[in-house]
Amino acid sequence: MKRLTILLPVLAVVIIGILGSIFIVDERERALVLRFGQIRQVIEEPGLNFKWPLIEEVVFYDDRILSLDTAPIEVTPSDDRRLVVDAFARYRINDVVQFRQAVGAGGLRNAERLLEDILNPQIRAVLGSDGVTSNTILSEDRAELMARITAVSRALANEIGVEVLDVRLKQTNLPAQNLAATFDRMRAEREREATDERARGEEAAQRVRAQADRTVVELVSDAEREAEIIRGEADAERNRIFAEAFGQDESFFEFYRSMTAYERALRQQNSTMVISPDSEFFEYLGGSTGRSGLAAPQPAPADQ
């Protein structure tokens, strides 16, 4: 009975020691065996493993791709339009020994702090470099900028045993204090463009109106010139006909000219005239033969 009393504690210690010396590494993990804080073994393959109980401890690290959301930061592109950038990174631990030496016992929390200290300066440096404007950051060209940030960050992160796989910009916004000024500037630019468009339209309208006025003047001038030519030809033809008529019958021509003069002078609006009775104007009104003694032409008899 006394022997059993002694063996039971010993057996319990042995069982505890055996259980404390056994550990399992998952296929999604890698492990470090530490003895008094010093690295004694690196286990990268999954399976059952052993360690010295009490004097050795095991630290597990995730072997999967991890993600890190960086805090929003302000960047100033080359056009001096400040932007608030929110980025995220995907990374994995590629060297657990170097990672342990860099982050110590802090683990992923210290690693993400160190990684963020690497990413943020590179984001500011690349997005604030010469030739990079806010329009470039907001356009499809920012894929090249993210590739540059990833390449530089990967080289620096290797020093802490981390491989940066990708860096992406989640959001790109204007600072709250700059929104009103930006909107005012955009409104002013649009108003200036509208004013320029209206000025160009008015200039084009003036050219069209000037061309139309010139065309009207030319058409009227040509029409008046042609009218004067036609009028002159008509007057010449009329004078020719009068000359021929005068040559054929001088008395009839004089009678016709007198009748025309009476018609023009004795109109309804001007029917009162003060003229001497023996004036030559009334030569054909003095009788049937006229004052000259010539018989006035008689109208032809009407057809029966």
C-alpha atoms as a PDB file:
ATOM      1  CA  MET A   1       0.000   0.000   0.000  1.00  0.00           C
ATOM      2  CA  LYS A   2       2.848   2.285   0.845  1.00  0.00           C
ATOM      3  CA  ARG A   3       4.513   1.479  -2.504  1.00  0.00           C
ATOM      4  CA  LEU A   4       1.315   2.328  -4.361  1.00  0.00           C
ATOM      5  CA  THR A   5       1.168   5.624  -2.565  1.00  0.00           C
ATOM      6  CA  ILE A   6       4.673   6.449  -3.824  1.00  0.00           C
ATOM      7  CA  LEU A   7       4.105   5.190  -7.387  1.00  0.00           C
ATOM      8  CA  LEU A   8       0.965   7.198  -8.032  1.00  0.00           C
ATOM      9  CA  PRO A   9       2.623  10.632  -7.699  1.00  0.00           C
ATOM     10  CA  VAL A  10       5.575   9.412  -9.740  1.00  0.00           C
ATOM     11  CA  LEU A  11       3.247   8.096 -12.420  1.00  0.00           C
ATOM     12  CA  ALA A  12       1.344  11.363 -12.444  1.00  0.00           C
ATOM     13  CA  VAL A  13       4.567  13.320 -12.870  1.00  0.00           C
ATOM     14  CA  VAL A  14       5.651  11.050 -15.703  1.00  0.00           C
ATOM     15  CA  ILE A  15       2.311  11.407 -17.458  1.00  0.00           C
ATOM     16  CA  ILE A  16       2.394  15.175 -17.047  1.00  0.00           C
ATOM     17  CA  GLY A  17       5.952  15.224 -18.337  1.00  0.00           C
ATOM     18  CA  ILE A  18       5.066  13.133 -21.357  1.00  0.00           C
ATOM     19  CA  LEU A  19       2.040  15.274 -22.123  1.00  0.00           C
ATOM     20  CA  GLY A  20       4.061  18.433 -21.629  1.00  0.00           C
ATOM     21  CA  SER A  21       6.707  17.220 -24.044  1.00  0.00           C
ATOM     22  CA  ILE A  22       4.295  16.458 -26.883  1.00  0.00           C
ATOM     23  CA  PHE A  23       2.978  19.159 -29.226  1.00  0.00           C
ATOM     24  CA  ILE A  24       1.337  19.110 -32.642  1.00  0.00           C
ATOM     25  CA  VAL A  25       2.134  21.503 -35.463  1.00  0.00           C
ATOM     26  CA  ASP A  26      -0.842  22.207 -37.736  1.00  0.00           C
ATOM     27  CA  GLU A  27      -0.382  22.357 -41.516  1.00  0.00           C
ATOM     28  CA  ARG A  28      -1.339  26.075 -41.333  1.00  0.00           C
ATOM     29  CA  GLU A  29       1.391  26.839 -38.818  1.00  0.00           C
ATOM     30  CA  ARG A  30       5.107  26.864 -38.200  1.00  0.00           C
ATOM     31  CA  ALA A  31       6.704  26.590 -34.767  1.00  0.00           C
ATOM     32  CA  LEU A  32       9.777  27.615 -32.844  1.00  0.00           C
ATOM     33  CA  VAL A  33      11.089  25.639 -29.873  1.00  0.00           C
ATOM     34  CA  LEU A  34      12.619  28.004 -27.340  1.00  0.00           C
ATOM     35  CA  ARG A  35      14.837  27.103 -24.403  1.00  0.00           C
ATOM     36  CA  PHE A  36      15.073  29.903 -21.904  1.00  0.00           C
ATOM     37  CA  GLY A  37      14.089  32.322 -24.643  1.00  0.00           C
ATOM     38  CA  GLN A  38      16.693  31.079 -27.128  1.00  0.00           C
ATOM     39  CA  ILE A  39      15.685  29.410 -30.383  1.00  0.00           C
ATOM     40  CA  ARG A  40      16.575  25.714 -30.297  1.00  0.00           C
ATOM     41  CA  GLN A  41      14.560  24.298 -33.170  1.00  0.00           C
ATOM     42  CA  VAL A  42      12.507  25.433 -36.166  1.00  0.00           C
ATOM     43  CA  ILE A  43       9.622  23.184 -37.161  1.00  0.00           C
ATOM     44  CA  GLU A  44       8.088  23.916 -40.564  1.00  0.00           C
ATOM     45  CA  GLU A  45       6.460  20.548 -41.303  1.00  0.00           C
ATOM     46  CA  PRO A  46       3.120  19.578 -39.739  1.00  0.00           C
ATOM     47  CA  GLY A  47       2.917  16.625 -37.384  1.00  0.00           C
ATOM     48  CA  LEU A  48       3.670  15.356 -33.869  1.00  0.00           C
ATOM     49  CA  ASN A  49       6.787  16.732 -32.166  1.00  0.00           C
ATOM     50  CA  PHE A  50       8.522  16.567 -28.781  1.00  0.00           C
ATOM     51  CA  LYS A  51      10.250  19.033 -26.518  1.00  0.00           C
ATOM     52  CA  TRP A  52      11.786  19.035 -23.081  1.00  0.00           C
ATOM     53  CA  PRO A  53       9.070  19.763 -20.569  1.00  0.00           C
ATOM     54  CA  LEU A  54       9.369  22.775 -18.289  1.00  0.00           C
ATOM     55  CA  ILE A  55      12.616  24.041 -19.801  1.00  0.00           C
ATOM     56  CA  GLU A  56      11.414  24.450 -23.383  1.00  0.00           C
ATOM     57  CA  GLU A  57       8.393  26.226 -24.812  1.00  0.00           C
ATOM     58  CA  VAL A  58       6.826  26.269 -28.258  1.00  0.00           C
ATOM     59  CA  VAL A  59       5.729  29.418 -30.128  1.00  0.00           C
ATOM     60  CA  PHE A  60       3.379  28.990 -33.096  1.00  0.00           C
ATOM     61  CA  TYR A  61       3.206  31.361 -36.077  1.00  0.00           C
ATOM     62  CA  ASP A  62       0.523  31.455 -38.773  1.00  0.00           C
ATOM     63  CA  ASP A  63       1.816  30.236 -42.120  1.00  0.00           C
ATOM     64  CA  ARG A  64      -1.166  31.595 -44.096  1.00  0.00           C
ATOM     65  CA  ILE A  65      -1.496  34.889 -45.991  1.00  0.00           C
ATOM     66  CA  LEU A  66      -2.396  37.618 -43.522  1.00  0.00           C
ATOM     67  CA  SER A  67      -3.890  41.068 -44.061  1.00  0.00           C
ATOM     68  CA  LEU A  68      -3.192  44.432 -42.485  1.00  0.00           C
ATOM     69  CA  ASP A  69      -5.408  47.529 -42.690  1.00  0.00           C
ATOM     70  CA  THR A  70      -3.282  50.632 -42.300  1.00  0.00           C
ATOM     71  CA  ALA A  71      -4.546  53.757 -40.575  1.00  0.00           C
ATOM     72  CA  PRO A  72      -5.682  56.561 -42.939  1.00  0.00           C
ATOM     73  CA  ILE A  73      -2.863  58.972 -43.744  1.00  0.00           C
ATOM     74  CA  GLU A  74      -2.647  62.249 -45.652  1.00  0.00           C
ATOM     75  CA  VAL A  75      -0.546  62.460 -48.796  1.00  0.00           C
ATOM     76  CA  THR A  76       0.315  65.487 -50.935  1.00  0.00           C
ATOM     77  CA  PRO A  77       0.678  64.752 -54.681  1.00  0.00           C
ATOM     78  CA  SER A  78       2.659  67.021 -56.977  1.00  0.00           C
ATOM     79  CA  ASP A  79      -0.408  69.194 -57.707  1.00  0.00           C
ATOM     80  CA  ASP A  80      -0.673  70.078 -53.969  1.00  0.00           C
ATOM     81  CA  ARG A  81      -4.172  68.653 -53.610  1.00  0.00           C
ATOM     82  CA  ARG A  82      -4.038  66.774 -50.315  1.00  0.00           C
ATOM     83  CA  LEU A  83      -5.696  63.362 -50.141  1.00  0.00           C
ATOM     84  CA  VAL A  84      -6.542  60.978 -47.318  1.00  0.00           C
ATOM     85  CA  VAL A  85      -5.445  57.461 -48.303  1.00  0.00           C
ATOM     86  CA  ASP A  86      -6.627  54.247 -46.654  1.00  0.00           C
ATOM     87  CA  ALA A  87      -4.590  51.193 -47.699  1.00  0.00           C
ATOM     88  CA  PHE A  88      -4.311  47.507 -46.857  1.00  0.00           C
ATOM     89  CA  ALA A  89      -1.553  44.954 -47.352  1.00  0.00           C
ATOM     90  CA  ARG A  90      -1.368  41.187 -47.697  1.00  0.00           C
ATOM     91  CA  TYR A  91       1.686  39.510 -46.267  1.00  0.00           C
ATOM     92  CA  ARG A  92       3.033  36.256 -44.865  1.00  0.00           C
ATOM     93  CA  ILE A  93       5.806  35.244 -42.463  1.00  0.00           C
ATOM     94  CA  ASN A  94       8.551  33.748 -44.599  1.00  0.00           C
ATOM     95  CA  ASP A  95      11.334  33.472 -41.996  1.00  0.00           C
ATOM     96  CA  VAL A  96      10.131  32.624 -38.477  1.00  0.00           C
ATOM     97  CA  VAL A  97      13.607  32.965 -36.937  1.00  0.00           C
ATOM     98  CA  GLN A  98      14.155  36.453 -38.314  1.00  0.00           C
ATOM     99  CA  PHE A  99      10.550  37.317 -37.496  1.00  0.00           C
ATOM    100  CA  ARG A 100      11.025  36.229 -33.850  1.00  0.00           C
ATOM    101  CA  GLN A 101      14.210  38.214 -33.534  1.00  0.00           C
ATOM    102  CA  ALA A 102      12.503  41.323 -34.973  1.00  0.00           C
ATOM    103  CA  VAL A 103       9.211  41.288 -33.072  1.00  0.00           C
ATOM    104  CA  GLY A 104      10.258  39.450 -29.897  1.00  0.00           C
ATOM    105  CA  ALA A 105       7.481  38.166 -27.686  1.00  0.00           C
ATOM    106  CA  GLY A 106       5.009  40.732 -29.074  1.00  0.00           C
ATOM    107  CA  GLY A 107       4.086  38.465 -31.977  1.00  0.00           C
ATOM    108  CA  LEU A 108       1.726  39.712 -34.677  1.00  0.00           C
ATOM    109  CA  ARG A 109       0.867  42.912 -32.825  1.00  0.00           C
ATOM    110  CA  ASN A 110       4.459  44.117 -32.934  1.00  0.00           C
ATOM    111  CA  ALA A 111       4.849  42.790 -36.476  1.00  0.00           C
ATOM    112  CA  GLU A 112       1.861  44.787 -37.767  1.00  0.00           C
ATOM    113  CA  ARG A 113       3.145  47.915 -36.042  1.00  0.00           C
ATOM    114  CA  LEU A 114       6.558  47.495 -37.675  1.00  0.00           C
ATOM    115  CA  LEU A 115       4.975  46.682 -41.028  1.00  0.00           C
ATOM    116  CA  GLU A 116       2.763  49.769 -40.850  1.00  0.00           C
ATOM    117  CA  ASP A 117       5.842  51.847 -40.087  1.00  0.00           C
ATOM    118  CA  ILE A 118       7.280  50.503 -43.337  1.00  0.00           C
ATOM    119  CA  LEU A 119       4.177  50.905 -45.499  1.00  0.00           C
ATOM    120  CA  ASN A 120       3.072  54.429 -44.561  1.00  0.00           C
ATOM    121  CA  PRO A 121       6.359  56.203 -45.481  1.00  0.00           C
ATOM    122  CA  GLN A 122       6.486  54.319 -48.771  1.00  0.00           C
ATOM    123  CA  ILE A 123       2.886  55.279 -49.582  1.00  0.00           C
ATOM    124  CA  ARG A 124       3.697  58.933 -48.896  1.00  0.00           C
ATOM    125  CA  ALA A 125       6.949  58.765 -50.879  1.00  0.00           C
ATOM    126  CA  VAL A 126       5.438  57.150 -53.987  1.00  0.00           C
ATOM    127  CA  LEU A 127       2.179  59.142 -54.065  1.00  0.00           C
ATOM    128  CA  GLY A 128       4.069  62.378 -53.412  1.00  0.00           C
ATOM    129  CA  SER A 129       6.789  61.834 -56.020  1.00  0.00           C
ATOM    130  CA  ASP A 130       7.267  64.075 -59.061  1.00  0.00           C
ATOM    131  CA  GLY A 131       4.741  63.573 -61.828  1.00  0.00           C
ATOM    132  CA  VAL A 132       2.150  61.912 -59.596  1.00  0.00           C
ATOM    133  CA  THR A 133      -0.976  64.082 -59.399  1.00  0.00           C
ATOM    134  CA  SER A 134      -4.265  63.546 -57.630  1.00  0.00           C
ATOM    135  CA  ASN A 135      -5.814  62.650 -60.994  1.00  0.00           C
ATOM    136  CA  THR A 136      -3.192  59.931 -61.435  1.00  0.00           C
ATOM    137  CA  ILE A 137      -3.995  58.492 -58.004  1.00  0.00           C
ATOM    138  CA  LEU A 138      -7.735  58.506 -58.756  1.00  0.00           C
ATOM    139  CA  SER A 139      -7.361  56.976 -62.223  1.00  0.00           C
ATOM    140  CA  GLU A 140      -6.477  53.516 -63.487  1.00  0.00           C
ATOM    141  CA  ASP A 141      -2.804  54.516 -63.455  1.00  0.00           C
ATOM    142  CA  ARG A 142      -2.656  53.988 -59.707  1.00  0.00           C
ATOM    143  CA  ALA A 143      -2.148  50.242 -60.299  1.00  0.00           C
ATOM    144  CA  GLU A 144       1.441  51.103 -61.289  1.00  0.00           C
ATOM    145  CA  LEU A 145       1.798  53.219 -58.140  1.00  0.00           C
ATOM    146  CA  MET A 146       0.614  50.329 -55.937  1.00  0.00           C
ATOM    147  CA  ALA A 147       3.101  48.016 -57.649  1.00  0.00           C
ATOM    148  CA  ARG A 148       5.909  50.462 -56.810  1.00  0.00           C
ATOM    149  CA  ILE A 149       4.778  50.670 -53.193  1.00  0.00           C
ATOM    150  CA  THR A 150       4.650  46.865 -52.992  1.00  0.00           C
ATOM    151  CA  ALA A 151       8.145  46.415 -54.451  1.00  0.00           C
ATOM    152  CA  VAL A 152       9.826  48.887 -52.085  1.00  0.00           C
ATOM    153  CA  SER A 153       7.888  47.652 -49.036  1.00  0.00           C
ATOM    154  CA  ARG A 154       8.743  44.032 -49.823  1.00  0.00           C
ATOM    155  CA  ALA A 155      12.460  44.789 -49.824  1.00  0.00           C
ATOM    156  CA  LEU A 156      12.238  46.527 -46.448  1.00  0.00           C
ATOM    157  CA  ALA A 157       9.898  43.985 -44.853  1.00  0.00           C
ATOM    158  CA  ASN A 158      12.279  41.111 -45.610  1.00  0.00           C
ATOM    159  CA  GLU A 159      14.465  42.441 -42.817  1.00  0.00           C
ATOM    160  CA  ILE A 160      11.808  41.457 -40.255  1.00  0.00           C
ATOM    161  CA  GLY A 161      11.088  38.062 -41.854  1.00  0.00           C
ATOM    162  CA  VAL A 162       7.891  39.197 -43.603  1.00  0.00           C
ATOM    163  CA  GLU A 163       7.094  38.956 -47.314  1.00  0.00           C
ATOM    164  CA  VAL A 164       4.751  41.689 -48.547  1.00  0.00           C
ATOM    165  CA  LEU A 165       2.631  40.172 -51.297  1.00  0.00           C
ATOM    166  CA  ASP A 166       0.461  43.119 -52.271  1.00  0.00           C
ATOM    167  CA  VAL A 167      -0.450  46.664 -51.237  1.00  0.00           C
ATOM    168  CA  ARG A 168      -3.768  48.175 -52.300  1.00  0.00           C
ATOM    169  CA  LEU A 169      -5.462  51.537 -51.832  1.00  0.00           C
ATOM    170  CA  LYS A 170      -8.932  51.004 -50.402  1.00  0.00           C
ATOM    171  CA  GLN A 171     -10.154  54.596 -50.317  1.00  0.00           C
ATOM    172  CA  THR A 172      -8.893  57.944 -51.518  1.00  0.00           C
ATOM    173  CA  ASN A 173     -10.761  60.943 -50.156  1.00  0.00           C
ATOM    174  CA  LEU A 174     -10.271  64.636 -49.651  1.00  0.00           C
ATOM    175  CA  PRO A 175      -9.614  65.953 -46.139  1.00  0.00           C
ATOM    176  CA  ALA A 176     -12.776  67.259 -44.510  1.00  0.00           C
ATOM    177  CA  GLN A 177     -11.353  70.773 -44.170  1.00  0.00           C
ATOM    178  CA  ASN A 178     -10.525  70.878 -47.882  1.00  0.00           C
ATOM    179  CA  LEU A 179     -13.894  69.729 -49.225  1.00  0.00           C
ATOM    180  CA  ALA A 180     -15.515  73.177 -49.254  1.00  0.00           C
ATOM    181  CA  ALA A 181     -12.459  74.804 -50.867  1.00  0.00           C
ATOM    182  CA  THR A 182     -12.243  72.001 -53.419  1.00  0.00           C
ATOM    183  CA  PHE A 183     -15.917  72.296 -54.305  1.00  0.00           C
ATOM    184  CA  ASP A 184     -15.545  76.079 -54.671  1.00  0.00           C
ATOM    185  CA  ARG A 185     -12.518  75.613 -56.911  1.00  0.00           C
ATOM    186  CA  MET A 186     -14.353  73.030 -59.023  1.00  0.00           C
ATOM    187  CA  ARG A 187     -17.352  75.357 -59.298  1.00  0.00           C
ATOM    188  CA  ALA A 188     -15.086  78.260 -60.317  1.00  0.00           C
ATOM    189  CA  GLU A 189     -13.389  76.096 -62.943  1.00  0.00           C
ATOM    190  CA  ARG A 190     -16.735  74.995 -64.371  1.00  0.00           C
ATOM    191  CA  GLU A 191     -17.988  78.581 -64.436  1.00  0.00           C
ATOM    192  CA  ARG A 192     -14.811  79.683 -66.190  1.00  0.00           C
ATOM    193  CA  GLU A 193     -15.226  76.917 -68.758  1.00  0.00           C
ATOM    194  CA  ALA A 194     -18.879  77.927 -69.254  1.00  0.00           C
ATOM    195  CA  THR A 195     -17.837  81.576 -69.704  1.00  0.00           C
ATOM    196  CA  ASP A 196     -15.211  80.552 -72.261  1.00  0.00           C
ATOM    197  CA  GLU A 197     -17.758  78.436 -74.119  1.00  0.00           C
ATOM    198  CA  ARG A 198     -20.253  81.301 -74.182  1.00  0.00           C
ATOM    199  CA  ALA A 199     -17.550  83.699 -75.390  1.00  0.00           C
ATOM    200  CA  ARG A 200     -16.564  81.306 -78.168  1.00  0.00           C
ATOM    201  CA  GLY A 201     -20.223  80.864 -79.092  1.00  0.00           C
ATOM    202  CA  GLU A 202     -20.778  84.631 -79.172  1.00  0.00           C
ATOM    203  CA  GLU A 203     -17.677  85.052 -81.323  1.00  0.00           C
ATOM    204  CA  ALA A 204     -18.926  82.406 -83.741  1.00  0.00           C
ATOM    205  CA  ALA A 205     -22.372  84.051 -83.784  1.00  0.00           C
ATOM    206  CA  GLN A 206     -20.783  87.424 -84.563  1.00  0.00           C
ATOM    207  CA  ARG A 207     -18.861  85.886 -87.446  1.00  0.00           C
ATOM    208  CA  VAL A 208     -22.040  84.285 -88.798  1.00  0.00           C
ATOM    209  CA  ARG A 209     -23.993  87.528 -88.454  1.00  0.00           C
ATOM    210  CA  ALA A 210     -21.197  89.543 -90.083  1.00  0.00           C
ATOM    211  CA  GLN A 211     -21.021  87.078 -92.952  1.00  0.00           C
ATOM    212  CA  ALA A 212     -24.818  87.196 -93.338  1.00  0.00           C
ATOM    213  CA  ASP A 213     -24.831  91.027 -93.317  1.00  0.00           C
ATOM    214  CA  ARG A 214     -22.058  91.075 -95.881  1.00  0.00           C
ATOM    215  CA  THR A 215     -23.963  88.618 -98.041  1.00  0.00           C
ATOM    216  CA  VAL A 216     -27.124  90.755 -97.772  1.00  0.00           C
ATOM    217  CA  VAL A 217     -25.210  93.903 -98.750  1.00  0.00           C
ATOM    218  CA  GLU A 218     -23.621  92.126-101.699  1.00  0.00           C
ATOM    219  CA  LEU A 219     -26.949  90.681-102.862  1.00  0.00           C
ATOM    220  CA  VAL A 220     -28.744  94.033-102.529  1.00  0.00           C
ATOM    221  CA  SER A 221     -25.887  95.812-104.284  1.00  0.00           C
ATOM    222  CA  ASP A 222     -25.912  93.303-107.139  1.00  0.00           C
ATOM    223  CA  ALA A 223     -29.699  93.533-107.382  1.00  0.00           C
ATOM    224  CA  GLU A 224     -29.627  97.339-107.420  1.00  0.00           C
ATOM    225  CA  ARG A 225     -26.895  97.327-110.037  1.00  0.00           C
ATOM    226  CA  GLU A 226     -28.859  94.938-112.231  1.00  0.00           C
ATOM    227  CA  ALA A 227     -32.014  97.017-111.634  1.00  0.00           C
ATOM    228  CA  GLU A 228     -30.197 100.188-112.700  1.00  0.00           C
ATOM    229  CA  ILE A 229     -28.929  98.413-115.805  1.00  0.00           C
ATOM    230  CA  ILE A 230     -32.413  97.175-116.666  1.00  0.00           C
ATOM    231  CA  ARG A 231     -33.905 100.589-115.878  1.00  0.00           C
ATOM    232  CA  GLY A 232     -31.351 102.283-118.098  1.00  0.00           C
ATOM    233  CA  GLU A 233     -32.000  99.838-120.916  1.00  0.00           C
ATOM    234  CA  ALA A 234     -35.751 100.388-120.508  1.00  0.00           C
ATOM    235  CA  ASP A 235     -35.321 104.189-120.591  1.00  0.00           C
ATOM    236  CA  ALA A 236     -33.194 103.880-123.688  1.00  0.00           C
ATOM    237  CA  GLU A 237     -35.811 101.679-125.321  1.00  0.00           C
ATOM    238  CA  ARG A 238     -38.563 104.119-124.324  1.00  0.00           C
ATOM    239  CA  ASN A 239     -36.640 107.064-125.759  1.00  0.00           C
ATOM    240  CA  ARG A 240     -36.028 105.115-128.916  1.00  0.00           C
ATOM    241  CA  ILE A 241     -39.741 104.389-129.287  1.00  0.00           C
ATOM    242  CA  PHE A 242     -40.605 108.043-128.565  1.00  0.00           C
ATOM    243  CA  ALA A 243     -38.068 109.162-131.127  1.00  0.00           C
ATOM    244  CA  GLU A 244     -39.518 106.834-133.727  1.00  0.00           C
ATOM    245  CA  ALA A 245     -43.056 107.993-132.869  1.00  0.00           C
ATOM    246  CA  PHE A 246     -42.018 111.644-133.103  1.00  0.00           C
ATOM    247  CA  GLY A 247     -40.438 111.008-136.451  1.00  0.00           C
ATOM    248  CA  GLN A 248     -43.568 109.369-137.849  1.00  0.00           C
ATOM    249  CA  ASP A 249     -46.177 111.928-136.622  1.00  0.00           C
ATOM    250  CA  GLU A 250     -44.953 115.009-134.838  1.00  0.00           C
ATOM    251  CA  SER A 251     -48.436 116.416-134.132  1.00  0.00           C
ATOM    252  CA  PHE A 252     -49.675 113.187-132.576  1.00  0.00           C
ATOM    253  CA  PHE A 253     -46.517 112.936-130.470  1.00  0.00           C
ATOM    254  CA  GLU A 254     -47.037 116.483-129.193  1.00  0.00           C
ATOM    255  CA  PHE A 255     -50.699 115.685-128.470  1.00  0.00           C
ATOM    256  CA  TYR A 256     -49.697 112.498-126.554  1.00  0.00           C
ATOM    257  CA  ARG A 257     -47.093 114.338-124.508  1.00  0.00           C
ATOM    258  CA  SER A 258     -49.627 117.043-123.633  1.00  0.00           C
ATOM    259  CA  MET A 259     -52.208 114.488-122.529  1.00  0.00           C
ATOM    260  CA  THR A 260     -49.601 112.815-120.371  1.00  0.00           C
ATOM    261  CA  ALA A 261     -48.758 116.174-118.813  1.00  0.00           C
ATOM    262  CA  TYR A 262     -52.462 116.844-118.125  1.00  0.00           C
ATOM    263  CA  GLU A 263     -52.835 113.442-116.514  1.00  0.00           C
ATOM    264  CA  ARG A 264     -49.862 113.969-114.219  1.00  0.00           C
ATOM    265  CA  ALA A 265     -50.783 117.566-113.315  1.00  0.00           C
ATOM    266  CA  LEU A 266     -54.558 117.290-112.865  1.00  0.00           C
ATOM    267  CA  ARG A 267     -54.723 114.602-110.233  1.00  0.00           C
ATOM    268  CA  GLN A 268     -57.222 114.271-107.442  1.00  0.00           C
ATOM    269  CA  GLN A 269     -54.744 115.376-104.798  1.00  0.00           C
ATOM    270  CA  ASN A 270     -53.668 118.439-106.883  1.00  0.00           C
ATOM    271  CA  SER A 271     -56.656 119.582-109.009  1.00  0.00           C
ATOM    272  CA  THR A 272     -56.257 123.373-108.454  1.00  0.00           C
ATOM    273  CA  MET A 273     -53.790 125.283-110.657  1.00  0.00           C
ATOM    274  CA  VAL A 274     -53.221 129.008-111.252  1.00  0.00           C
ATOM    275  CA  ILE A 275     -52.016 129.446-114.851  1.00  0.00           C
ATOM    276  CA  SER A 276     -52.525 132.142-117.488  1.00  0.00           C
ATOM    277  CA  PRO A 277     -55.340 131.168-119.903  1.00  0.00           C
ATOM    278  CA  ASP A 278     -53.154 131.734-122.919  1.00  0.00           C
ATOM    279  CA  SER A 279     -50.435 129.470-121.548  1.00  0.00           C
ATOM    280  CA  GLU A 280     -49.024 126.861-123.889  1.00  0.00           C
ATOM    281  CA  PHE A 281     -50.018 124.282-121.288  1.00  0.00           C
ATOM    282  CA  PHE A 282     -53.654 124.600-122.446  1.00  0.00           C
ATOM    283  CA  GLU A 283     -52.776 124.411-126.139  1.00  0.00           C
ATOM    284  CA  TYR A 284     -55.032 121.394-126.730  1.00  0.00           C
ATOM    285  CA  LEU A 285     -57.851 122.638-124.440  1.00  0.00           C
ATOM    286  CA  GLY A 286     -58.734 125.783-126.433  1.00  0.00           C
ATOM    287  CA  GLY A 287     -61.134 124.081-128.858  1.00  0.00           C
ATOM    288  CA  SER A 288     -61.622 121.110-131.090  1.00  0.00           C
ATOM    289  CA  THR A 289     -58.620 122.117-133.189  1.00  0.00           C
ATOM    290  CA  GLY A 290     -56.466 123.484-130.372  1.00  0.00           C
ATOM    291  CA  ARG A 291     -54.787 126.830-130.286  1.00  0.00           C
ATOM    292  CA  SER A 292     -52.273 125.833-132.898  1.00  0.00           C
ATOM    293  CA  GLY A 293     -54.988 125.180-135.350  1.00  0.00           C
ATOM    294  CA  LEU A 294     -54.265 121.502-135.536  1.00  0.00           C
ATOM    295  CA  ALA A 295     -57.157 119.155-135.144  1.00  0.00           C
ATOM    296  CA  ALA A 296     -56.939 117.036-132.017  1.00  0.00           C
ATOM    297  CA  PRO A 297     -56.817 113.364-132.746  1.00  0.00           C
ATOM    298  CA  GLN A 298     -60.205 111.717-132.359  1.00  0.00           C
ATOM    299  CA  PRO A 299     -60.507 108.460-130.571  1.00  0.00           C
ATOM    300  CA  ALA A 300     -61.277 105.480-132.712  1.00  0.00           C
ATOM    301  CA  PRO A 301     -64.993 104.545-132.848  1.00  0.00           C
ATOM    302  CA  ALA A 302     -66.001 101.767-130.525  1.00  0.00           C
ATOM    303  CA  ASP A 303     -66.755  98.434-132.074  1.00  0.00           C
ATOM    304  CA  GLN A 304     -70.471  97.934-132.643  1.00  0.00           C
END
